Amino acid sequence: MGPIFMFLIGFGFAVSGGVTMITYLNLLPAGFGWMDYLIFLKSRPECYLFPLGIFMITLATFFLPQESS
């Protein structure tokens, strides 16, 4: 039950961080360049949820029970 819970929490973090990063893409038409965009993302704590979520998903898949044939 633990790995499944960690997988779901990681999925939620990844979705939340990914949606936030996509939302901030609206800064590009406002005159920001790609480097400005990446520097801005680095300063926003909610954008760190995406890599944290991907890490949790990856970690959870290693601890999922294996079916034996």
C-alpha atoms as a PDB file:
ATOM      1  CA  MET A   1       0.000   0.000   0.000  1.00  0.00           C
ATOM      2  CA  GLY A   2       2.921   2.349   0.707  1.00  0.00           C
ATOM      3  CA  PRO A   3       4.404   2.381  -2.810  1.00  0.00           C
ATOM      4  CA  ILE A   4       0.990   2.963  -4.368  1.00  0.00           C
ATOM      5  CA  PHE A   5       0.381   5.904  -2.024  1.00  0.00           C
ATOM      6  CA  MET A   6       3.830   7.316  -2.853  1.00  0.00           C
ATOM      7  CA  PHE A   7       3.101   6.859  -6.575  1.00  0.00           C
ATOM      8  CA  LEU A   8      -0.181   8.768  -6.293  1.00  0.00           C
ATOM      9  CA  ILE A   9       1.365  11.597  -4.270  1.00  0.00           C
ATOM     10  CA  GLY A  10       4.212  11.809  -6.795  1.00  0.00           C
ATOM     11  CA  PHE A  11       1.708  11.883  -9.639  1.00  0.00           C
ATOM     12  CA  GLY A  12      -0.145  14.745  -7.976  1.00  0.00           C
ATOM     13  CA  PHE A  13       3.102  16.674  -7.474  1.00  0.00           C
ATOM     14  CA  ALA A  14       4.145  16.097 -11.094  1.00  0.00           C
ATOM     15  CA  VAL A  15       0.781  17.257 -12.434  1.00  0.00           C
ATOM     16  CA  SER A  16       0.717  20.316 -10.187  1.00  0.00           C
ATOM     17  CA  GLY A  17       4.261  21.356 -11.088  1.00  0.00           C
ATOM     18  CA  GLY A  18       3.777  20.622 -14.782  1.00  0.00           C
ATOM     19  CA  VAL A  19       0.567  22.632 -15.016  1.00  0.00           C
ATOM     20  CA  THR A  20       2.262  25.527 -13.238  1.00  0.00           C
ATOM     21  CA  MET A  21       5.183  25.452 -15.654  1.00  0.00           C
ATOM     22  CA  ILE A  22       2.812  25.372 -18.619  1.00  0.00           C
ATOM     23  CA  THR A  23       0.839  28.276 -17.153  1.00  0.00           C
ATOM     24  CA  TYR A  24       4.013  30.329 -16.819  1.00  0.00           C
ATOM     25  CA  LEU A  25       4.612  29.833 -20.557  1.00  0.00           C
ATOM     26  CA  ASN A  26       2.245  32.800 -20.925  1.00  0.00           C
ATOM     27  CA  LEU A  27       5.223  34.964 -19.989  1.00  0.00           C
ATOM     28  CA  LEU A  28       6.855  34.285 -23.367  1.00  0.00           C
ATOM     29  CA  PRO A  29       4.378  36.376 -25.410  1.00  0.00           C
ATOM     30  CA  ALA A  30       4.738  39.127 -22.781  1.00  0.00           C
ATOM     31  CA  GLY A  31       8.337  39.679 -23.847  1.00  0.00           C
ATOM     32  CA  PHE A  32      10.289  37.166 -21.768  1.00  0.00           C
ATOM     33  CA  GLY A  33      12.961  35.122 -23.539  1.00  0.00           C
ATOM     34  CA  TRP A  34      13.568  31.427 -22.937  1.00  0.00           C
ATOM     35  CA  MET A  35      16.448  32.113 -20.560  1.00  0.00           C
ATOM     36  CA  ASP A  36      14.329  34.619 -18.622  1.00  0.00           C
ATOM     37  CA  TYR A  37      11.584  31.993 -18.437  1.00  0.00           C
ATOM     38  CA  LEU A  38      13.967  29.349 -17.069  1.00  0.00           C
ATOM     39  CA  ILE A  39      15.445  31.771 -14.534  1.00  0.00           C
ATOM     40  CA  PHE A  40      11.918  32.684 -13.444  1.00  0.00           C
ATOM     41  CA  LEU A  41      11.016  28.993 -13.047  1.00  0.00           C
ATOM     42  CA  LYS A  42      14.094  28.490 -10.914  1.00  0.00           C
ATOM     43  CA  SER A  43      12.840  31.159  -8.510  1.00  0.00           C
ATOM     44  CA  ARG A  44       9.341  29.673  -8.103  1.00  0.00           C
ATOM     45  CA  PRO A  45       9.043  26.949  -5.422  1.00  0.00           C
ATOM     46  CA  GLU A  46       5.944  25.337  -6.946  1.00  0.00           C
ATOM     47  CA  CYS A  47       7.919  24.487 -10.079  1.00  0.00           C
ATOM     48  CA  TYR A  48      10.119  22.174  -8.011  1.00  0.00           C
ATOM     49  CA  LEU A  49       7.102  19.905  -7.514  1.00  0.00           C
ATOM     50  CA  PHE A  50       7.474  18.522 -11.049  1.00  0.00           C
ATOM     51  CA  PRO A  51      10.946  16.965 -10.651  1.00  0.00           C
ATOM     52  CA  LEU A  52      10.070  15.879  -7.099  1.00  0.00           C
ATOM     53  CA  GLY A  53       6.952  14.133  -8.409  1.00  0.00           C
ATOM     54  CA  ILE A  54       8.858  12.406 -11.206  1.00  0.00           C
ATOM     55  CA  PHE A  55      11.440  11.227  -8.656  1.00  0.00           C
ATOM     56  CA  MET A  56       8.714   9.881  -6.341  1.00  0.00           C
ATOM     57  CA  ILE A  57       6.998   8.048  -9.210  1.00  0.00           C
ATOM     58  CA  THR A  58      10.295   6.480 -10.268  1.00  0.00           C
ATOM     59  CA  LEU A  59      11.127   5.488  -6.710  1.00  0.00           C
ATOM     60  CA  ALA A  60       7.675   4.002  -6.145  1.00  0.00           C
ATOM     61  CA  THR A  61       7.908   1.821  -9.252  1.00  0.00           C
ATOM     62  CA  PHE A  62      11.025   0.149  -7.854  1.00  0.00           C
ATOM     63  CA  PHE A  63       9.203  -0.771  -4.634  1.00  0.00           C
ATOM     64  CA  LEU A  64       5.982  -2.079  -6.205  1.00  0.00           C
ATOM     65  CA  PRO A  65       5.424  -5.778  -5.506  1.00  0.00           C
ATOM     66  CA  GLN A  66       6.455  -8.093  -8.314  1.00  0.00           C
ATOM     67  CA  GLU A  67       4.135 -10.809  -9.563  1.00  0.00           C
ATOM     68  CA  SER A  68       5.796 -14.198  -9.801  1.00  0.00           C
ATOM     69  CA  SER A  69       4.657 -16.628 -12.473  1.00  0.00           C
END
